[in-house]
Protein backbone atom coordinates (compact mmCIF):
# COMPACT_ATOMS: atom_id res chain seq x y z
CA UNK A 1 66.88 79.26 30.47
CA UNK A 2 64.33 78.65 27.85
CA UNK A 3 62.40 80.86 26.33
CA UNK A 4 59.18 80.65 24.77
CA UNK A 5 58.75 82.14 21.05
CA UNK A 6 56.17 82.99 19.08
CA UNK A 7 55.58 83.73 15.28
CA UNK A 8 55.11 87.21 14.22
CA UNK A 9 55.66 89.58 11.04
CA UNK A 10 58.63 92.09 11.38
CA UNK A 11 60.45 93.71 9.03
CA UNK A 12 64.13 94.99 8.86
CA UNK A 13 63.74 98.09 6.73
CA UNK A 14 61.35 100.24 5.35
CA UNK A 15 60.08 99.44 1.78
CA UNK A 16 57.24 97.79 -0.36
CA UNK A 17 55.29 94.60 0.98
CA UNK A 18 58.07 92.63 0.13
CA UNK A 19 59.93 93.41 3.30
CA UNK A 20 57.66 91.82 5.48
CA UNK A 21 58.87 88.29 6.52
CA UNK A 22 58.13 85.83 9.23
CA UNK A 23 59.90 85.90 12.52
CA UNK A 24 60.49 83.96 15.99
CA UNK A 25 60.01 86.40 18.93
CA UNK A 26 59.93 86.22 22.54
CA UNK A 27 56.25 85.94 23.35
CA UNK A 28 55.26 88.57 25.82
CA UNK A 29 54.31 88.37 29.20
CA UNK A 30 51.24 90.28 30.98
CA UNK A 31 52.18 92.86 33.76
CA UNK A 32 50.09 94.19 36.48
CA UNK A 33 46.77 95.36 35.34
CA UNK A 34 47.63 93.63 31.80
CA UNK A 35 46.32 90.28 30.03
CA UNK A 36 47.90 88.24 27.73
CA UNK A 37 45.82 87.48 24.46
CA UNK A 38 46.26 84.49 22.20
CA UNK A 39 45.66 86.25 18.76
CA UNK A 40 43.33 84.39 16.62
CA UNK A 41 43.07 87.34 14.10
CA UNK A 42 44.54 90.80 13.20
CA UNK A 43 42.69 93.71 11.38
CA UNK A 44 44.88 95.98 9.48
CA UNK A 45 44.40 99.48 8.41
CA UNK A 46 45.85 102.05 6.24
CA UNK A 47 48.23 103.20 9.09
CA UNK A 48 49.70 99.72 8.92
CA UNK A 49 51.25 100.10 5.05
CA UNK A 50 51.84 103.44 5.67
CA UNK A 51 54.22 102.46 8.23
CA UNK A 52 56.11 99.49 6.62
CA UNK A 53 56.68 101.95 3.72
CA UNK A 54 57.69 105.19 5.56
CA UNK A 55 57.67 104.57 9.50
CA UNK A 56 54.68 107.19 9.57
CA UNK A 57 54.15 107.22 13.14
CA UNK A 58 56.37 103.94 14.77
CA UNK A 59 60.08 105.29 13.52
CA UNK A 60 62.66 102.97 12.23
CA UNK A 61 62.38 99.16 12.25
CA UNK A 62 62.62 96.25 13.18
CA UNK A 63 58.68 96.42 14.53
CA UNK A 64 55.98 94.24 14.39
CA UNK A 65 52.51 96.13 12.67
CA UNK A 66 49.05 95.89 14.07
CA UNK A 67 46.52 97.35 16.55
CA UNK A 68 43.61 95.47 15.69
CA UNK A 69 43.04 92.34 18.18
CA UNK A 70 40.50 89.53 18.23
CA UNK A 71 41.47 86.52 20.49
CA UNK A 72 41.36 84.53 23.60
CA UNK A 73 42.94 85.58 27.06
CA UNK A 74 45.69 83.18 28.10
CA UNK A 75 46.88 84.73 31.50
CA UNK A 76 46.18 87.69 33.23
CA UNK A 77 48.35 90.01 35.41
CA UNK A 78 48.10 91.23 38.82
CA UNK A 79 45.50 92.96 39.63
CA UNK A 80 42.77 92.24 36.46
CA UNK A 81 39.19 91.69 37.74
CA UNK A 82 36.98 92.19 34.33
CA UNK A 83 38.95 89.29 32.35
CA UNK A 84 39.72 85.89 32.97
CA UNK A 85 42.11 82.91 31.00
CA UNK A 86 39.48 81.86 28.00
CA UNK A 87 37.39 84.84 27.71
CA UNK A 88 37.12 85.60 24.24
CA UNK A 89 38.22 89.52 23.71
CA UNK A 90 38.85 92.32 20.80
CA UNK A 91 40.13 95.40 21.12
CA UNK A 92 42.72 97.75 20.13
CA UNK A 93 46.22 98.13 21.30
CA UNK A 94 47.60 101.90 22.30
CA UNK A 95 48.03 104.13 19.08
CA UNK A 96 50.68 104.67 17.93
CA UNK A 97 53.59 103.27 19.79
CA UNK A 98 51.40 100.22 21.09
CA UNK A 99 51.72 97.82 18.08
CA UNK A 100 52.24 94.39 17.35
CA UNK A 101 49.01 92.53 17.25
CA UNK A 102 50.58 90.79 14.05
CA UNK A 103 51.51 87.91 16.20
CA UNK A 104 50.35 84.94 18.03
CA UNK A 105 50.13 86.75 21.41
CA UNK A 106 50.14 90.26 22.55
CA UNK A 107 50.14 91.67 25.82
CA UNK A 108 48.28 94.81 27.31
CA UNK A 109 46.44 96.65 29.40
CA UNK A 110 43.24 94.24 30.12
CA UNK A 111 40.94 97.64 29.56
CA UNK A 112 41.95 97.63 25.97
CA UNK A 113 39.88 94.88 25.35
CA UNK A 114 35.71 94.04 25.78
CA UNK A 115 34.39 90.95 25.38
CA UNK A 116 33.85 89.68 21.64
CA UNK A 117 30.35 89.55 20.45
CA UNK A 118 29.12 86.10 20.67
CA UNK A 119 27.27 86.37 17.05
CA UNK A 120 30.54 86.84 15.48
CA UNK A 121 33.73 85.00 14.59
CA UNK A 122 37.12 86.16 15.62
CA UNK A 123 37.95 87.21 11.96
CA UNK A 124 34.87 89.76 11.94
CA UNK A 125 35.86 90.56 15.51
CA UNK A 126 39.32 91.65 14.21
CA UNK A 127 38.28 93.88 11.73
CA UNK A 128 35.92 96.00 13.94
CA UNK A 129 38.46 97.77 17.19
CA UNK A 130 40.39 100.22 15.41
CA UNK A 131 37.95 101.75 12.62
CA UNK A 132 34.99 101.38 14.74
CA UNK A 133 36.50 103.20 17.86
CA UNK A 134 37.42 105.84 15.29
CA UNK A 135 34.16 106.46 13.97
CA UNK A 136 32.47 106.53 17.46
CA UNK A 137 34.96 108.75 18.90
CA UNK A 138 34.69 110.84 16.31
CA UNK A 139 30.88 110.95 15.72
CA UNK A 140 29.76 110.19 19.24
CA UNK A 141 32.55 111.68 21.69
CA UNK A 142 33.68 114.94 19.59
CA UNK A 143 30.73 115.65 17.63
CA UNK A 144 27.50 114.22 19.57
CA UNK A 145 25.79 112.97 16.96
CA UNK A 146 22.22 112.15 17.78
CA UNK A 147 18.36 111.95 16.20
CA UNK A 148 17.93 114.50 13.11
CA UNK A 149 21.30 115.67 12.55
CA UNK A 150 22.91 115.89 8.86
CA UNK A 151 26.19 113.88 8.81
CA UNK A 152 28.72 113.62 5.63
CA UNK A 153 30.97 110.45 5.77
CA UNK A 154 34.03 110.70 3.53
CA UNK A 155 35.01 107.26 2.12
CA UNK A 156 31.91 105.72 3.47
CA UNK A 157 32.95 102.51 2.07
CA UNK A 158 36.23 102.23 3.57
CA UNK A 159 37.59 100.57 6.67
CA UNK A 160 36.41 103.58 8.95
CA UNK A 161 33.85 104.74 6.58
CA UNK A 162 31.51 102.06 6.31
CA UNK A 163 31.15 101.56 10.23
CA UNK A 164 30.70 105.64 10.63
CA UNK A 165 27.78 105.32 8.56
CA UNK A 166 26.26 102.46 10.69
CA UNK A 167 27.21 104.35 13.75
CA UNK A 168 25.53 107.36 13.10
CA UNK A 169 22.37 105.83 11.56
CA UNK A 170 22.06 103.97 15.03
CA UNK A 171 21.68 107.24 16.56
CA UNK A 172 18.90 108.42 14.25
CA UNK A 173 21.21 110.79 12.12
CA UNK A 174 20.52 111.23 7.83
CA UNK A 175 23.65 110.06 6.36
CA UNK A 176 25.57 111.18 3.53
CA UNK A 177 28.26 109.39 1.96
CA UNK A 178 30.87 109.77 -0.76
CA UNK A 179 32.30 106.57 -2.72
CA UNK A 180 32.32 105.81 -6.43
CA UNK A 181 29.16 105.00 -8.20
CA UNK A 182 29.95 101.05 -7.85
CA UNK A 183 29.64 101.31 -4.49
CA UNK A 184 26.64 103.03 -3.77
CA UNK A 185 24.13 99.86 -3.49
CA UNK A 186 26.67 98.72 -0.97
CA UNK A 187 26.30 102.28 0.92
CA UNK A 188 22.15 102.22 0.83
CA UNK A 189 22.56 98.24 2.48
CA UNK A 190 24.56 100.18 5.35
CA UNK A 191 21.51 102.94 5.23
CA UNK A 192 22.88 105.94 3.87
CA UNK A 193 20.28 108.27 2.71
CA UNK A 194 21.91 110.21 0.16
CA UNK A 195 25.22 108.68 -1.91
CA UNK A 196 27.34 111.15 -3.52
CA UNK A 197 29.82 109.86 -6.62
CA UNK A 198 33.01 111.64 -5.63
CA UNK A 199 34.52 111.24 -9.05
CA UNK A 200 31.56 112.73 -11.13
CA UNK A 201 30.03 114.99 -8.41
CA UNK A 202 31.80 117.71 -6.79
CA UNK A 203 30.44 116.96 -3.02
CA UNK A 204 31.39 120.55 -2.07
CA UNK A 205 28.70 122.19 -4.39
CA UNK A 206 26.16 119.37 -3.86
CA UNK A 207 25.79 119.24 -0.46
CA UNK A 208 24.54 121.61 2.29
CA UNK A 209 23.30 122.62 5.69
CA UNK A 210 25.59 119.79 7.10
CA UNK A 211 25.45 119.36 10.59
CA UNK A 212 28.70 116.92 11.11
CA UNK A 213 31.47 115.75 8.56
CA UNK A 214 33.53 113.17 9.52
CA UNK A 215 36.78 113.51 6.86
CA UNK A 216 39.23 110.85 6.42
CA UNK A 217 41.16 111.70 3.19
CA UNK A 218 43.10 114.48 3.57
CA UNK A 219 44.39 117.07 0.83
CA UNK A 220 41.79 119.89 -0.03
CA UNK A 221 38.67 117.67 1.67
CA UNK A 222 39.12 119.54 4.95
CA UNK A 223 38.78 123.17 3.34
CA UNK A 224 35.81 121.78 1.03
CA UNK A 225 34.07 120.22 3.95
CA UNK A 226 33.72 123.61 5.51
CA UNK A 227 31.60 124.43 2.98
CA UNK A 228 29.17 122.34 3.55
CA UNK A 229 28.67 122.86 7.04
CA UNK A 230 26.03 124.87 8.49
CA UNK A 231 27.05 127.45 11.26
CA UNK A 232 28.18 125.71 14.44
CA UNK A 233 28.66 123.05 12.53
CA UNK A 234 31.22 120.29 13.51
CA UNK A 235 34.47 119.00 11.23
CA UNK A 236 36.32 116.28 12.69
CA UNK A 237 39.43 114.93 10.70
CA UNK A 238 41.51 111.75 11.06
CA UNK A 239 43.64 113.02 8.07
CA UNK A 240 45.93 114.49 10.85
CA UNK A 241 46.53 117.63 8.51
CA UNK A 242 46.47 121.48 9.91
CA UNK A 243 43.33 122.98 10.51
CA UNK A 244 45.01 126.30 10.49
CA UNK A 245 45.59 125.71 6.63
CA UNK A 246 41.83 127.01 5.98
CA UNK A 247 38.90 129.16 7.40
CA UNK A 248 37.06 127.67 10.29
CA UNK A 249 35.14 130.61 10.68
CA UNK A 250 31.72 129.56 12.70
CA UNK A 251 32.47 126.10 13.00
CA UNK A 252 34.18 123.66 15.42
CA UNK A 253 37.19 122.00 13.77
CA UNK A 254 38.77 119.04 15.73
CA UNK A 255 41.91 116.49 14.61
CA UNK A 256 41.24 113.58 16.11
CA UNK A 257 43.78 110.51 16.93
CA UNK A 258 42.07 107.02 18.35
CA UNK A 259 42.51 105.73 21.47
CA UNK A 260 41.92 102.29 23.24
CA UNK A 261 38.27 102.57 24.89
CA UNK A 262 36.96 99.92 27.25
CA UNK A 263 33.79 101.85 27.51
CA UNK A 264 33.39 102.99 23.66
CA UNK A 265 34.04 98.95 22.72
CA UNK A 266 31.25 97.55 25.11
CA UNK A 267 29.04 100.13 23.26
CA UNK A 268 30.19 99.03 19.98
CA UNK A 269 29.99 95.39 21.11
CA UNK A 270 26.21 96.13 22.03
CA UNK A 271 25.69 97.57 18.39
CA UNK A 272 27.17 94.68 16.60
CA UNK A 273 25.55 92.02 18.92
CA UNK A 274 21.94 93.87 18.37
CA UNK A 275 22.67 93.51 14.30
CA UNK A 276 23.07 97.36 13.96
CA UNK A 277 26.68 97.07 13.47
CA UNK A 278 27.97 94.97 10.82
CA UNK A 279 31.65 94.72 9.73
CA UNK A 280 32.34 94.35 5.57
CA UNK A 281 35.38 91.69 5.01
CA UNK A 282 37.27 92.28 2.11
CA UNK A 283 40.18 89.81 2.28
CA UNK A 284 41.40 87.52 4.83
CA UNK A 285 45.02 85.90 4.42
CA UNK A 286 47.20 83.54 6.72
CA UNK A 287 49.29 85.57 9.18
CA UNK A 288 52.26 84.44 7.00
CA UNK A 289 50.78 85.86 3.94
CA UNK A 290 50.78 89.25 4.99
CA UNK A 291 52.37 90.89 2.41
CA UNK A 292 49.25 90.00 -0.04
CA UNK A 293 47.17 91.61 2.68
CA UNK A 294 49.64 95.08 2.43
CA UNK A 295 49.31 94.63 -1.56
CA UNK A 296 45.46 94.30 -1.06
CA UNK A 297 45.00 97.84 1.20
CA UNK A 298 47.57 99.75 -0.99
CA UNK A 299 45.50 99.44 -3.95
CA UNK A 300 42.70 101.58 -2.56
CA UNK A 301 39.92 99.31 -3.72
CA UNK A 302 39.23 97.38 -0.67
CA UNK A 303 35.31 97.74 0.61
CA UNK A 304 35.61 97.02 4.04
CA UNK A 305 38.63 95.35 6.22
CA UNK A 306 41.36 93.18 5.46
CA UNK A 307 42.33 90.78 8.23
CA UNK A 308 45.47 88.02 9.25
CA UNK A 309 44.17 84.92 10.07
CA UNK A 310 46.71 83.60 13.06
CA UNK A 311 44.78 81.15 15.14
CA UNK A 312 45.44 78.40 12.76
CA UNK A 313 49.53 78.86 13.12
CA UNK A 314 51.30 75.99 15.17
CA UNK A 315 51.48 76.16 18.85
CA UNK A 316 54.58 78.80 20.26
CA UNK A 317 57.67 76.77 20.10
CA UNK A 318 59.78 76.53 23.68
CA UNK A 319 63.74 76.54 22.92
CA UNK A 320 66.74 76.82 25.19
CA UNK A 321 68.47 79.65 23.04
CA UNK A 322 66.27 82.04 21.00
CA UNK A 323 67.12 82.26 17.26
CA UNK A 324 68.76 85.47 15.51
CA UNK A 325 65.37 86.63 14.48
CA UNK A 326 63.72 86.28 18.07
CA UNK A 327 66.19 89.14 19.55
CA UNK A 328 64.34 91.90 17.55
CA UNK A 329 62.36 94.02 19.73
CA UNK A 330 58.55 93.96 19.04
């Protein structure tokens, strides 16, 4: 019996970027309502290096990391009506247990994906899904941001932050963003109305009467952010801290874990195609050099997103007996 293999980045132990290695694994097959996507590019997010180092949300290795995908539909499973082989798509695998995009192929439910915007390439498309969905679900679904609202975005030059700024601006909000002074010109180019240098200015003293805060950092940022909200304001955190650790009287406080969302991906694609949402690419590296991407991410100096390029890899190999590496779990 032959097995079709694909290249992937995996690890046997938790640790630094050096534990990442290229392996051969069985290529997945799409089940009912699923599509098989040949990955052209795959984004990285902080959860990738946190999981590599400590198992954060995915547990013990071996595993293949990655949630962001941009590629081409190769096969469709029973019942898939929205997509066909040859369609260019982008999307996010289920977080956290659906990881595995740092590989040549992924299989996942078809509604985790949307058609890739025609005006961007796969590298830019791969940088968008998880970060943009996080921003959309926080600002639109939870906080209901609309015209005239005052929105504070922490780490506004980061992966989630720089997309959140643009989504808020597209909905007519006044946006305040925190970042180092060196990144303020970048923030203004995104539409930030009021940049704040977190190194020299205490935002909790400088900002008042905010309707919505997107808290992406953790630590004491949640408690300090409460101080800037007007009564009835909304604090949305993706840092997964405990809201009960500080006083949220008079405001609404929510913690969000991002989910795949076909409808939101279509809305995000429309913003990209209209020119109202652009993704900043910090670093692009080949799949085989994933360790370099993790090293860059862990500096906390990246502006925008880091992306692995997969499509230039050789075609999958068909063999009679899988190698020892290919027996590793996805």
